[in-house]
Amino acid sequence: MTREFLEENWAVSSYDEDTMCQIDYYIDEDNCDVGSKAYMYSHLDEELVEMEIVHIIALSNDFDLYNELLEDDDVLVNGEEEYGADCSAEFITDNDSYLVWFKNV
C-alpha cells in the first residue's frame, strides 16, 4: 500500500496539519468495520503504519449516540482506554462521519 494510493482512494483525517508533527489516518469507507485495515502516516517519521479498526461509530448508524459522544471533548482519548486502542481519529467525509479507534498491527 502506498500513501499516494490512500490519498486518492481512502478517507483521510489529518491532525496537526501543516506541521512536522502532522499525522494522517486513512480508512476505506467501503470497508470500515471492526477488524478492517486502516493506515497512519507520520510526517515526522515519513512512515506509513498499518493498523486495524477496533471500534467505529458512524453518524449514519447512530445519530443520537454520535452527537452525544461529541459533547465530550476527550471522546477519542477516553475511547482509546475503553476499547484498548493505540490511537483514534474523527473522519468527516462527503458520505458520513466516523469516530474510529485503531490498534497497531
N, C-alpha and C. Protein backbone atom coordinates (compact mmCIF):
# COMPACT_ATOMS: atom_id res chain seq x y z
N MET A 1 0.85 -1.18 0.00
CA MET A 1 0.00 0.00 0.00
C MET A 1 0.89 1.24 0.00
N THR A 2 0.50 2.22 -0.78
CA THR A 2 1.27 3.46 -0.83
C THR A 2 0.43 4.62 -0.33
N ARG A 3 1.10 5.63 0.16
CA ARG A 3 0.40 6.82 0.64
C ARG A 3 -0.34 7.50 -0.51
N GLU A 4 0.24 7.49 -1.69
CA GLU A 4 -0.39 8.11 -2.85
C GLU A 4 -1.73 7.43 -3.17
N PHE A 5 -1.75 6.08 -3.11
CA PHE A 5 -2.99 5.35 -3.34
C PHE A 5 -4.02 5.73 -2.28
N LEU A 6 -3.60 5.77 -1.02
CA LEU A 6 -4.52 6.11 0.07
C LEU A 6 -5.09 7.51 -0.11
N GLU A 7 -4.25 8.45 -0.47
CA GLU A 7 -4.70 9.84 -0.67
C GLU A 7 -5.78 9.93 -1.74
N GLU A 8 -5.67 9.11 -2.77
CA GLU A 8 -6.61 9.16 -3.88
C GLU A 8 -7.88 8.36 -3.64
N ASN A 9 -7.81 7.31 -2.82
CA ASN A 9 -8.92 6.35 -2.75
C ASN A 9 -9.55 6.16 -1.38
N TRP A 10 -8.91 6.60 -0.33
CA TRP A 10 -9.43 6.37 1.02
C TRP A 10 -9.74 7.71 1.69
N ALA A 11 -10.58 7.67 2.72
CA ALA A 11 -10.87 8.86 3.51
C ALA A 11 -9.68 9.16 4.41
N VAL A 12 -9.38 10.45 4.57
CA VAL A 12 -8.24 10.85 5.40
C VAL A 12 -8.71 11.80 6.50
N SER A 13 -8.10 11.66 7.66
CA SER A 13 -8.29 12.58 8.77
C SER A 13 -6.91 13.01 9.22
N SER A 14 -6.64 14.32 9.19
CA SER A 14 -5.32 14.84 9.49
C SER A 14 -5.33 15.64 10.78
N TYR A 15 -4.27 15.47 11.54
CA TYR A 15 -4.10 16.19 12.80
C TYR A 15 -2.76 16.94 12.76
N ASP A 16 -2.71 18.10 13.44
CA ASP A 16 -1.53 18.96 13.45
C ASP A 16 -1.10 19.30 12.01
N GLU A 17 -2.08 19.65 11.21
CA GLU A 17 -1.83 19.93 9.80
C GLU A 17 -0.79 21.03 9.61
N ASP A 18 -0.02 20.87 8.55
CA ASP A 18 0.99 21.83 8.14
C ASP A 18 2.10 22.03 9.17
N THR A 19 2.34 20.98 9.97
CA THR A 19 3.48 21.00 10.89
C THR A 19 4.30 19.74 10.63
N MET A 20 5.49 19.70 11.20
CA MET A 20 6.33 18.49 11.07
C MET A 20 5.70 17.30 11.80
N CYS A 21 4.81 17.58 12.76
CA CYS A 21 4.19 16.51 13.56
C CYS A 21 2.87 16.04 12.97
N GLN A 22 2.54 16.46 11.75
CA GLN A 22 1.27 16.07 11.15
C GLN A 22 1.15 14.56 11.08
N ILE A 23 -0.05 14.07 11.43
CA ILE A 23 -0.36 12.65 11.33
C ILE A 23 -1.64 12.52 10.52
N ASP A 24 -1.63 11.64 9.54
CA ASP A 24 -2.80 11.37 8.70
C ASP A 24 -3.28 9.95 8.97
N TYR A 25 -4.58 9.81 9.19
CA TYR A 25 -5.20 8.50 9.37
C TYR A 25 -6.05 8.22 8.14
N TYR A 26 -6.06 6.98 7.68
CA TYR A 26 -6.79 6.59 6.47
C TYR A 26 -7.71 5.41 6.75
N ILE A 27 -8.96 5.52 6.27
CA ILE A 27 -9.89 4.38 6.29
C ILE A 27 -10.51 4.25 4.91
N ASP A 28 -10.89 3.04 4.58
CA ASP A 28 -11.61 2.74 3.35
C ASP A 28 -13.10 2.78 3.68
N GLU A 29 -13.80 3.81 3.25
CA GLU A 29 -15.22 3.95 3.61
C GLU A 29 -16.07 2.77 3.14
N ASP A 30 -15.64 2.06 2.12
CA ASP A 30 -16.39 0.90 1.65
C ASP A 30 -16.12 -0.34 2.49
N ASN A 31 -15.14 -0.27 3.37
CA ASN A 31 -14.78 -1.41 4.21
C ASN A 31 -14.21 -0.89 5.53
N CYS A 32 -15.09 -0.30 6.34
CA CYS A 32 -14.62 0.28 7.61
C CYS A 32 -15.44 -0.26 8.77
N ASP A 33 -15.17 -1.50 9.09
CA ASP A 33 -15.80 -2.17 10.22
C ASP A 33 -14.72 -2.62 11.18
N VAL A 34 -15.13 -3.12 12.33
CA VAL A 34 -14.17 -3.69 13.27
C VAL A 34 -13.39 -4.79 12.56
N GLY A 35 -12.08 -4.74 12.67
CA GLY A 35 -11.21 -5.71 12.01
C GLY A 35 -10.69 -5.26 10.67
N SER A 36 -11.24 -4.19 10.11
CA SER A 36 -10.78 -3.69 8.81
C SER A 36 -9.42 -3.03 8.94
N LYS A 37 -8.66 -3.08 7.84
CA LYS A 37 -7.36 -2.41 7.80
C LYS A 37 -7.56 -0.90 7.74
N ALA A 38 -6.59 -0.21 8.31
CA ALA A 38 -6.51 1.24 8.25
C ALA A 38 -5.02 1.58 8.25
N TYR A 39 -4.70 2.84 8.02
CA TYR A 39 -3.30 3.24 7.97
C TYR A 39 -3.11 4.58 8.66
N MET A 40 -1.90 4.78 9.17
CA MET A 40 -1.50 6.05 9.74
C MET A 40 -0.18 6.45 9.09
N TYR A 41 -0.09 7.71 8.70
CA TYR A 41 1.16 8.23 8.15
C TYR A 41 1.68 9.34 9.04
N SER A 42 2.92 9.18 9.52
CA SER A 42 3.58 10.18 10.33
C SER A 42 4.50 11.00 9.42
N HIS A 43 4.24 12.30 9.32
CA HIS A 43 5.09 13.16 8.50
C HIS A 43 6.48 13.31 9.12
N LEU A 44 6.55 13.28 10.43
CA LEU A 44 7.84 13.41 11.11
C LEU A 44 8.74 12.23 10.79
N ASP A 45 8.19 11.01 10.88
CA ASP A 45 8.97 9.80 10.63
C ASP A 45 8.96 9.38 9.16
N GLU A 46 8.08 10.00 8.37
CA GLU A 46 7.86 9.61 6.97
C GLU A 46 7.60 8.11 6.88
N GLU A 47 6.70 7.66 7.76
CA GLU A 47 6.42 6.22 7.86
C GLU A 47 4.92 5.96 7.76
N LEU A 48 4.56 4.97 6.95
CA LEU A 48 3.18 4.52 6.81
C LEU A 48 3.03 3.25 7.64
N VAL A 49 2.09 3.26 8.59
CA VAL A 49 1.90 2.16 9.52
C VAL A 49 0.53 1.53 9.30
N GLU A 50 0.51 0.22 9.17
CA GLU A 50 -0.77 -0.50 9.04
C GLU A 50 -1.41 -0.63 10.42
N MET A 51 -2.71 -0.41 10.45
CA MET A 51 -3.47 -0.53 11.69
C MET A 51 -4.74 -1.34 11.43
N GLU A 52 -5.46 -1.59 12.52
CA GLU A 52 -6.73 -2.32 12.44
C GLU A 52 -7.77 -1.54 13.24
N ILE A 53 -8.97 -1.45 12.70
CA ILE A 53 -10.05 -0.78 13.41
C ILE A 53 -10.54 -1.69 14.53
N VAL A 54 -10.56 -1.15 15.78
CA VAL A 54 -11.04 -1.94 16.91
C VAL A 54 -12.43 -1.50 17.35
N HIS A 55 -12.82 -0.28 16.98
CA HIS A 55 -14.18 0.19 17.28
C HIS A 55 -14.47 1.37 16.35
N ILE A 56 -15.71 1.44 15.89
CA ILE A 56 -16.10 2.53 14.99
C ILE A 56 -17.57 2.87 15.22
N ILE A 57 -17.86 4.14 15.20
CA ILE A 57 -19.24 4.62 15.30
C ILE A 57 -19.47 5.57 14.14
N ALA A 58 -20.45 5.27 13.32
CA ALA A 58 -20.79 6.12 12.18
C ALA A 58 -22.01 6.97 12.53
N LEU A 59 -21.97 8.22 12.15
CA LEU A 59 -23.09 9.12 12.37
C LEU A 59 -24.37 8.55 11.78
N SER A 60 -24.27 7.98 10.59
CA SER A 60 -25.46 7.46 9.90
C SER A 60 -26.07 6.25 10.60
N ASN A 61 -25.27 5.54 11.39
CA ASN A 61 -25.79 4.36 12.09
C ASN A 61 -26.42 4.68 13.43
N ASP A 62 -25.96 5.75 14.08
CA ASP A 62 -26.48 6.11 15.41
C ASP A 62 -26.29 7.60 15.64
N PHE A 63 -27.15 8.39 15.03
CA PHE A 63 -27.05 9.84 15.07
C PHE A 63 -27.02 10.37 16.50
N ASP A 64 -27.94 9.87 17.35
CA ASP A 64 -28.03 10.37 18.72
C ASP A 64 -26.78 10.04 19.53
N LEU A 65 -26.29 8.81 19.45
CA LEU A 65 -25.10 8.41 20.19
C LEU A 65 -23.89 9.21 19.71
N TYR A 66 -23.73 9.34 18.41
CA TYR A 66 -22.59 10.06 17.85
C TYR A 66 -22.54 11.48 18.40
N ASN A 67 -23.66 12.17 18.33
CA ASN A 67 -23.70 13.56 18.79
C ASN A 67 -23.56 13.67 20.30
N GLU A 68 -24.08 12.72 21.03
CA GLU A 68 -23.89 12.70 22.48
C GLU A 68 -22.42 12.51 22.83
N LEU A 69 -21.75 11.62 22.15
CA LEU A 69 -20.33 11.39 22.40
C LEU A 69 -19.49 12.63 22.11
N LEU A 70 -19.86 13.37 21.08
CA LEU A 70 -19.10 14.57 20.71
C LEU A 70 -19.20 15.68 21.74
N GLU A 71 -20.16 15.58 22.66
CA GLU A 71 -20.26 16.56 23.73
C GLU A 71 -19.04 16.48 24.66
N ASP A 72 -18.38 15.31 24.68
CA ASP A 72 -17.18 15.10 25.48
C ASP A 72 -15.97 15.43 24.60
N ASP A 73 -15.24 16.49 24.96
CA ASP A 73 -14.07 16.89 24.17
C ASP A 73 -13.00 15.82 24.12
N ASP A 74 -13.00 14.90 25.08
CA ASP A 74 -12.00 13.84 25.16
C ASP A 74 -12.54 12.49 24.69
N VAL A 75 -13.59 12.49 23.88
CA VAL A 75 -14.23 11.25 23.46
C VAL A 75 -13.24 10.27 22.82
N LEU A 76 -12.35 10.77 22.00
CA LEU A 76 -11.41 9.87 21.32
C LEU A 76 -10.40 9.28 22.31
N VAL A 77 -9.83 10.12 23.16
CA VAL A 77 -8.85 9.66 24.14
C VAL A 77 -9.50 8.70 25.14
N ASN A 78 -10.69 9.04 25.61
CA ASN A 78 -11.40 8.16 26.54
C ASN A 78 -11.73 6.82 25.89
N GLY A 79 -12.07 6.84 24.63
CA GLY A 79 -12.37 5.61 23.90
C GLY A 79 -11.14 4.74 23.72
N GLU A 80 -9.97 5.35 23.62
CA GLU A 80 -8.73 4.56 23.48
C GLU A 80 -8.55 3.65 24.68
N GLU A 81 -8.80 4.17 25.86
CA GLU A 81 -8.69 3.35 27.07
C GLU A 81 -9.81 2.31 27.10
N GLU A 82 -11.02 2.73 26.81
CA GLU A 82 -12.18 1.82 26.87
C GLU A 82 -12.08 0.67 25.87
N TYR A 83 -11.58 0.95 24.67
CA TYR A 83 -11.54 -0.07 23.61
C TYR A 83 -10.17 -0.70 23.43
N GLY A 84 -9.21 -0.33 24.26
CA GLY A 84 -7.87 -0.89 24.15
C GLY A 84 -7.18 -0.48 22.87
N ALA A 85 -7.41 0.75 22.44
CA ALA A 85 -6.87 1.25 21.17
C ALA A 85 -5.55 1.97 21.39
N ASP A 86 -4.73 2.00 20.34
CA ASP A 86 -3.47 2.72 20.36
C ASP A 86 -3.63 4.18 19.95
N CYS A 87 -4.63 4.46 19.11
CA CYS A 87 -4.88 5.82 18.65
C CYS A 87 -6.30 5.90 18.11
N SER A 88 -6.71 7.11 17.74
CA SER A 88 -8.09 7.32 17.30
C SER A 88 -8.17 8.57 16.44
N ALA A 89 -9.28 8.69 15.71
CA ALA A 89 -9.48 9.86 14.85
C ALA A 89 -10.96 10.02 14.53
N GLU A 90 -11.32 11.24 14.22
CA GLU A 90 -12.66 11.51 13.69
C GLU A 90 -12.52 11.80 12.21
N PHE A 91 -13.37 11.18 11.42
CA PHE A 91 -13.39 11.39 9.97
C PHE A 91 -14.70 12.07 9.62
N ILE A 92 -14.62 13.13 8.85
CA ILE A 92 -15.80 13.81 8.32
C ILE A 92 -15.65 13.81 6.81
N THR A 93 -16.51 13.05 6.15
CA THR A 93 -16.41 12.91 4.69
C THR A 93 -17.69 13.42 4.04
N ASP A 94 -17.73 13.39 2.73
CA ASP A 94 -18.94 13.78 2.00
C ASP A 94 -20.07 12.79 2.24
N ASN A 95 -19.71 11.54 2.62
CA ASN A 95 -20.70 10.48 2.77
C ASN A 95 -21.21 10.29 4.19
N ASP A 96 -20.35 10.55 5.19
CA ASP A 96 -20.70 10.23 6.57
C ASP A 96 -19.65 10.84 7.49
N SER A 97 -19.82 10.63 8.77
CA SER A 97 -18.82 10.99 9.77
C SER A 97 -18.59 9.79 10.67
N TYR A 98 -17.36 9.63 11.14
CA TYR A 98 -16.99 8.44 11.90
C TYR A 98 -16.10 8.81 13.08
N LEU A 99 -16.30 8.14 14.20
CA LEU A 99 -15.34 8.11 15.29
C LEU A 99 -14.71 6.74 15.21
N VAL A 100 -13.37 6.69 15.13
CA VAL A 100 -12.68 5.43 14.87
C VAL A 100 -11.53 5.25 15.85
N TRP A 101 -11.40 4.04 16.39
CA TRP A 101 -10.30 3.68 17.28
C TRP A 101 -9.51 2.55 16.63
N PHE A 102 -8.18 2.67 16.70
CA PHE A 102 -7.27 1.76 15.99
C PHE A 102 -6.30 1.07 16.94
N LYS A 103 -5.84 -0.08 16.50
CA LYS A 103 -4.70 -0.78 17.11
C LYS A 103 -3.64 -0.94 16.06
N ASN A 104 -2.38 -0.80 16.46
CA ASN A 104 -1.27 -1.09 15.53
C ASN A 104 -1.24 -2.57 15.24
N VAL A 105 -0.90 -2.91 14.00
CA VAL A 105 -0.83 -4.32 13.60
C VAL A 105 0.58 -4.82 13.80
